[in-house]
Amino acid sequence: MAYKIIVSPSAQINIDKAIEYYIENASFLVASEFFDELQNCYRHLELNPFNQIRIKSYRASPLDRFPYLVFYELDEEQPYVRILAVFNTNQDPGKWP
């Protein structure tokens, strides 16, 4: 069964900021690679969203090549995966969503 991916507005802000950062501080190519890896993560979550629960009922999936965790909640009845945050792991863990 494929789960529908829903990106929350706050997660979209995280994604936009990360892409903007990579464009300004690295290159458009690096920003594009970040976006591609995020899309790969979504494809994985569509098929297998049962990652480890990190906080309360929130799950997280790491990106392979970039220092980010994709925090999400899972609804098996609907079925959907709601992306709550895309968090840079180089930040203070106290800032986790």
N, C-alpha and C. Protein backbone atom coordinates (compact mmCIF):
# COMPACT_ATOMS: atom_id res chain seq x y z
N MET A 1 0.84 -1.17 0.00
CA MET A 1 0.00 0.00 0.00
C MET A 1 0.89 1.24 0.00
N ALA A 2 0.57 2.20 -0.81
CA ALA A 2 1.32 3.45 -0.87
C ALA A 2 0.64 4.49 0.01
N TYR A 3 1.45 5.17 0.80
CA TYR A 3 0.95 6.22 1.68
C TYR A 3 1.06 7.56 0.96
N LYS A 4 0.07 8.41 1.17
CA LYS A 4 0.10 9.75 0.59
C LYS A 4 1.02 10.62 1.44
N ILE A 5 1.86 11.41 0.79
CA ILE A 5 2.76 12.33 1.49
C ILE A 5 2.11 13.70 1.53
N ILE A 6 2.00 14.26 2.74
CA ILE A 6 1.46 15.60 2.94
C ILE A 6 2.55 16.41 3.64
N VAL A 7 2.95 17.51 3.04
CA VAL A 7 4.00 18.36 3.63
C VAL A 7 3.31 19.52 4.33
N SER A 8 3.56 19.66 5.64
CA SER A 8 2.96 20.75 6.41
C SER A 8 3.59 22.08 6.00
N PRO A 9 2.89 23.18 6.23
CA PRO A 9 3.46 24.49 5.91
C PRO A 9 4.78 24.76 6.64
N SER A 10 4.88 24.34 7.89
CA SER A 10 6.14 24.58 8.63
C SER A 10 7.29 23.75 8.04
N ALA A 11 7.01 22.54 7.60
CA ALA A 11 8.05 21.72 6.96
C ALA A 11 8.47 22.35 5.64
N GLN A 12 7.51 22.90 4.90
CA GLN A 12 7.84 23.56 3.63
C GLN A 12 8.74 24.75 3.86
N ILE A 13 8.53 25.47 4.95
CA ILE A 13 9.42 26.59 5.30
C ILE A 13 10.83 26.06 5.56
N ASN A 14 10.94 24.96 6.31
CA ASN A 14 12.26 24.34 6.56
C ASN A 14 12.95 23.98 5.26
N ILE A 15 12.20 23.40 4.34
CA ILE A 15 12.75 22.97 3.05
C ILE A 15 13.20 24.18 2.24
N ASP A 16 12.36 25.20 2.18
CA ASP A 16 12.70 26.42 1.43
C ASP A 16 13.97 27.07 1.98
N LYS A 17 14.09 27.11 3.31
CA LYS A 17 15.29 27.71 3.93
C LYS A 17 16.53 26.89 3.61
N ALA A 18 16.41 25.57 3.63
CA ALA A 18 17.56 24.71 3.32
C ALA A 18 17.99 24.90 1.87
N ILE A 19 17.04 24.94 0.96
CA ILE A 19 17.38 25.14 -0.45
C ILE A 19 18.02 26.50 -0.66
N GLU A 20 17.45 27.52 -0.03
CA GLU A 20 18.02 28.87 -0.13
C GLU A 20 19.45 28.89 0.41
N TYR A 21 19.68 28.22 1.55
CA TYR A 21 21.02 28.16 2.12
C TYR A 21 22.00 27.52 1.15
N TYR A 22 21.63 26.39 0.57
CA TYR A 22 22.53 25.70 -0.35
C TYR A 22 22.79 26.51 -1.62
N ILE A 23 21.79 27.21 -2.12
CA ILE A 23 22.00 28.05 -3.30
C ILE A 23 22.98 29.17 -2.97
N GLU A 24 22.81 29.82 -1.81
CA GLU A 24 23.64 30.96 -1.43
C GLU A 24 25.04 30.56 -1.00
N ASN A 25 25.18 29.40 -0.34
CA ASN A 25 26.47 29.04 0.25
C ASN A 25 27.20 27.91 -0.44
N ALA A 26 26.55 27.24 -1.37
CA ALA A 26 27.21 26.17 -2.12
C ALA A 26 26.97 26.42 -3.60
N SER A 27 25.91 25.87 -4.13
CA SER A 27 25.59 26.07 -5.55
C SER A 27 24.16 25.62 -5.81
N PHE A 28 23.68 25.98 -6.97
CA PHE A 28 22.36 25.52 -7.37
C PHE A 28 22.36 23.99 -7.50
N LEU A 29 23.47 23.43 -7.96
CA LEU A 29 23.58 21.98 -8.10
C LEU A 29 23.42 21.28 -6.75
N VAL A 30 24.06 21.78 -5.72
CA VAL A 30 23.95 21.18 -4.38
C VAL A 30 22.51 21.30 -3.88
N ALA A 31 21.89 22.46 -4.10
CA ALA A 31 20.49 22.64 -3.70
C ALA A 31 19.60 21.65 -4.43
N SER A 32 19.86 21.43 -5.70
CA SER A 32 19.10 20.48 -6.49
C SER A 32 19.30 19.05 -5.97
N GLU A 33 20.52 18.72 -5.59
CA GLU A 33 20.80 17.39 -5.03
C GLU A 33 20.08 17.19 -3.70
N PHE A 34 20.03 18.25 -2.88
CA PHE A 34 19.28 18.19 -1.62
C PHE A 34 17.81 17.90 -1.91
N PHE A 35 17.23 18.63 -2.85
CA PHE A 35 15.83 18.44 -3.22
C PHE A 35 15.58 17.03 -3.74
N ASP A 36 16.48 16.53 -4.58
CA ASP A 36 16.35 15.17 -5.11
C ASP A 36 16.39 14.13 -3.99
N GLU A 37 17.28 14.33 -3.03
CA GLU A 37 17.37 13.38 -1.92
C GLU A 37 16.11 13.44 -1.06
N LEU A 38 15.57 14.61 -0.89
CA LEU A 38 14.32 14.75 -0.15
C LEU A 38 13.19 14.00 -0.87
N GLN A 39 13.14 14.10 -2.18
CA GLN A 39 12.13 13.37 -2.97
C GLN A 39 12.33 11.87 -2.84
N ASN A 40 13.58 11.41 -2.80
CA ASN A 40 13.86 9.99 -2.58
C ASN A 40 13.34 9.53 -1.22
N CYS A 41 13.52 10.39 -0.21
CA CYS A 41 13.01 10.08 1.13
C CYS A 41 11.49 9.95 1.08
N TYR A 42 10.82 10.85 0.40
CA TYR A 42 9.36 10.77 0.27
C TYR A 42 8.94 9.46 -0.40
N ARG A 43 9.64 9.09 -1.45
CA ARG A 43 9.30 7.84 -2.15
C ARG A 43 9.45 6.63 -1.21
N HIS A 44 10.50 6.67 -0.42
CA HIS A 44 10.71 5.59 0.56
C HIS A 44 9.56 5.57 1.58
N LEU A 45 9.18 6.75 2.07
CA LEU A 45 8.12 6.82 3.08
C LEU A 45 6.76 6.41 2.52
N GLU A 46 6.55 6.63 1.23
CA GLU A 46 5.30 6.19 0.61
C GLU A 46 5.12 4.67 0.73
N LEU A 47 6.23 3.96 0.66
CA LEU A 47 6.18 2.50 0.67
C LEU A 47 6.45 1.89 2.04
N ASN A 48 7.30 2.54 2.83
CA ASN A 48 7.69 1.99 4.12
C ASN A 48 7.90 3.12 5.13
N PRO A 49 6.82 3.59 5.77
CA PRO A 49 6.95 4.71 6.70
C PRO A 49 7.18 4.29 8.15
N PHE A 50 7.52 3.04 8.39
CA PHE A 50 7.58 2.54 9.76
C PHE A 50 8.97 2.68 10.39
N ASN A 51 9.52 3.87 10.34
CA ASN A 51 10.82 4.14 10.96
C ASN A 51 10.65 4.27 12.47
N GLN A 52 11.76 4.36 13.14
CA GLN A 52 11.80 4.47 14.59
C GLN A 52 11.02 5.69 15.07
N ILE A 53 10.28 5.51 16.17
CA ILE A 53 9.61 6.64 16.80
C ILE A 53 10.66 7.38 17.61
N ARG A 54 10.79 8.68 17.38
CA ARG A 54 11.82 9.49 18.05
C ARG A 54 11.26 10.22 19.26
N ILE A 55 10.16 10.94 19.08
CA ILE A 55 9.59 11.77 20.13
C ILE A 55 8.09 11.55 20.12
N LYS A 56 7.52 11.19 21.27
CA LYS A 56 6.08 10.90 21.37
C LYS A 56 5.70 9.93 20.26
N SER A 57 4.81 10.31 19.37
CA SER A 57 4.42 9.42 18.28
C SER A 57 5.05 9.84 16.96
N TYR A 58 6.00 10.77 17.01
CA TYR A 58 6.63 11.28 15.79
C TYR A 58 7.78 10.38 15.39
N ARG A 59 7.87 10.14 14.12
CA ARG A 59 8.93 9.32 13.55
C ARG A 59 9.90 10.23 12.80
N ALA A 60 11.08 9.70 12.50
CA ALA A 60 12.06 10.48 11.76
C ALA A 60 12.81 9.59 10.79
N SER A 61 13.12 10.16 9.65
CA SER A 61 13.88 9.46 8.63
C SER A 61 15.05 10.36 8.23
N PRO A 62 16.28 9.86 8.31
CA PRO A 62 17.43 10.69 7.94
C PRO A 62 17.63 10.72 6.42
N LEU A 63 18.13 11.84 5.94
CA LEU A 63 18.59 11.89 4.55
C LEU A 63 19.97 11.26 4.50
N ASP A 64 20.32 10.64 3.40
CA ASP A 64 21.59 9.93 3.31
C ASP A 64 22.79 10.85 3.22
N ARG A 65 22.72 11.86 2.36
CA ARG A 65 23.90 12.67 2.06
C ARG A 65 23.88 14.05 2.69
N PHE A 66 22.79 14.42 3.31
CA PHE A 66 22.67 15.75 3.90
C PHE A 66 22.31 15.59 5.37
N PRO A 67 22.75 16.55 6.22
CA PRO A 67 22.53 16.40 7.67
C PRO A 67 21.11 16.83 8.10
N TYR A 68 20.12 16.10 7.63
CA TYR A 68 18.73 16.45 7.94
C TYR A 68 17.95 15.21 8.36
N LEU A 69 17.01 15.44 9.29
CA LEU A 69 16.03 14.44 9.66
C LEU A 69 14.67 14.93 9.20
N VAL A 70 13.90 14.05 8.61
CA VAL A 70 12.54 14.37 8.20
C VAL A 70 11.62 13.81 9.28
N PHE A 71 11.02 14.71 10.07
CA PHE A 71 10.09 14.30 11.11
C PHE A 71 8.69 14.21 10.53
N TYR A 72 7.97 13.15 10.91
CA TYR A 72 6.64 12.96 10.35
C TYR A 72 5.76 12.17 11.31
N GLU A 73 4.46 12.23 11.03
CA GLU A 73 3.52 11.38 11.74
C GLU A 73 2.83 10.50 10.72
N LEU A 74 2.41 9.36 11.17
CA LEU A 74 1.85 8.34 10.29
C LEU A 74 0.40 8.07 10.69
N ASP A 75 -0.47 8.04 9.70
CA ASP A 75 -1.85 7.63 9.92
C ASP A 75 -2.09 6.42 9.04
N GLU A 76 -2.17 5.24 9.66
CA GLU A 76 -2.31 4.00 8.90
C GLU A 76 -3.73 3.81 8.36
N GLU A 77 -4.71 4.45 8.98
CA GLU A 77 -6.09 4.27 8.53
C GLU A 77 -6.41 5.07 7.28
N GLN A 78 -5.84 6.26 7.13
CA GLN A 78 -6.21 7.14 6.03
C GLN A 78 -5.72 6.68 4.67
N PRO A 79 -4.64 6.21 4.32
CA PRO A 79 -3.31 6.23 4.93
C PRO A 79 -2.48 7.42 4.41
N TYR A 80 -1.79 8.10 5.33
CA TYR A 80 -0.93 9.20 4.90
C TYR A 80 0.24 9.36 5.84
N VAL A 81 1.25 10.05 5.33
CA VAL A 81 2.41 10.47 6.09
C VAL A 81 2.42 11.99 6.03
N ARG A 82 2.32 12.63 7.20
CA ARG A 82 2.37 14.09 7.26
C ARG A 82 3.77 14.51 7.69
N ILE A 83 4.47 15.20 6.78
CA ILE A 83 5.81 15.70 7.07
C ILE A 83 5.65 16.93 7.96
N LEU A 84 6.22 16.87 9.16
CA LEU A 84 6.07 17.95 10.14
C LEU A 84 7.23 18.93 10.12
N ALA A 85 8.43 18.41 9.89
CA ALA A 85 9.62 19.27 9.91
C ALA A 85 10.75 18.57 9.15
N VAL A 86 11.62 19.38 8.59
CA VAL A 86 12.85 18.90 7.97
C VAL A 86 13.96 19.61 8.73
N PHE A 87 14.58 18.89 9.67
CA PHE A 87 15.44 19.48 10.68
C PHE A 87 16.91 19.25 10.39
N ASN A 88 17.69 20.32 10.40
CA ASN A 88 19.14 20.23 10.21
C ASN A 88 19.77 19.68 11.50
N THR A 89 20.41 18.53 11.43
CA THR A 89 20.96 17.89 12.62
C THR A 89 22.21 18.56 13.14
N ASN A 90 22.74 19.55 12.41
CA ASN A 90 23.88 20.31 12.92
C ASN A 90 23.43 21.36 13.94
N GLN A 91 22.12 21.56 14.05
CA GLN A 91 21.59 22.49 15.03
C GLN A 91 21.54 21.83 16.40
N ASP A 92 21.33 22.63 17.41
CA ASP A 92 21.16 22.16 18.77
C ASP A 92 19.97 21.22 18.85
N PRO A 93 20.13 19.98 19.35
CA PRO A 93 19.00 19.06 19.44
C PRO A 93 17.85 19.60 20.28
N GLY A 94 18.12 20.58 21.14
CA GLY A 94 17.05 21.21 21.91
C GLY A 94 16.06 21.95 21.04
N LYS A 95 16.43 22.21 19.81
CA LYS A 95 15.54 22.88 18.86
C LYS A 95 14.67 21.91 18.07
N TRP A 96 14.82 20.61 18.33
CA TRP A 96 14.02 19.63 17.59
C TRP A 96 12.57 19.99 17.68
N PRO A 97 11.85 19.81 16.61
CA PRO A 97 10.42 20.16 16.63
C PRO A 97 9.63 19.20 17.52
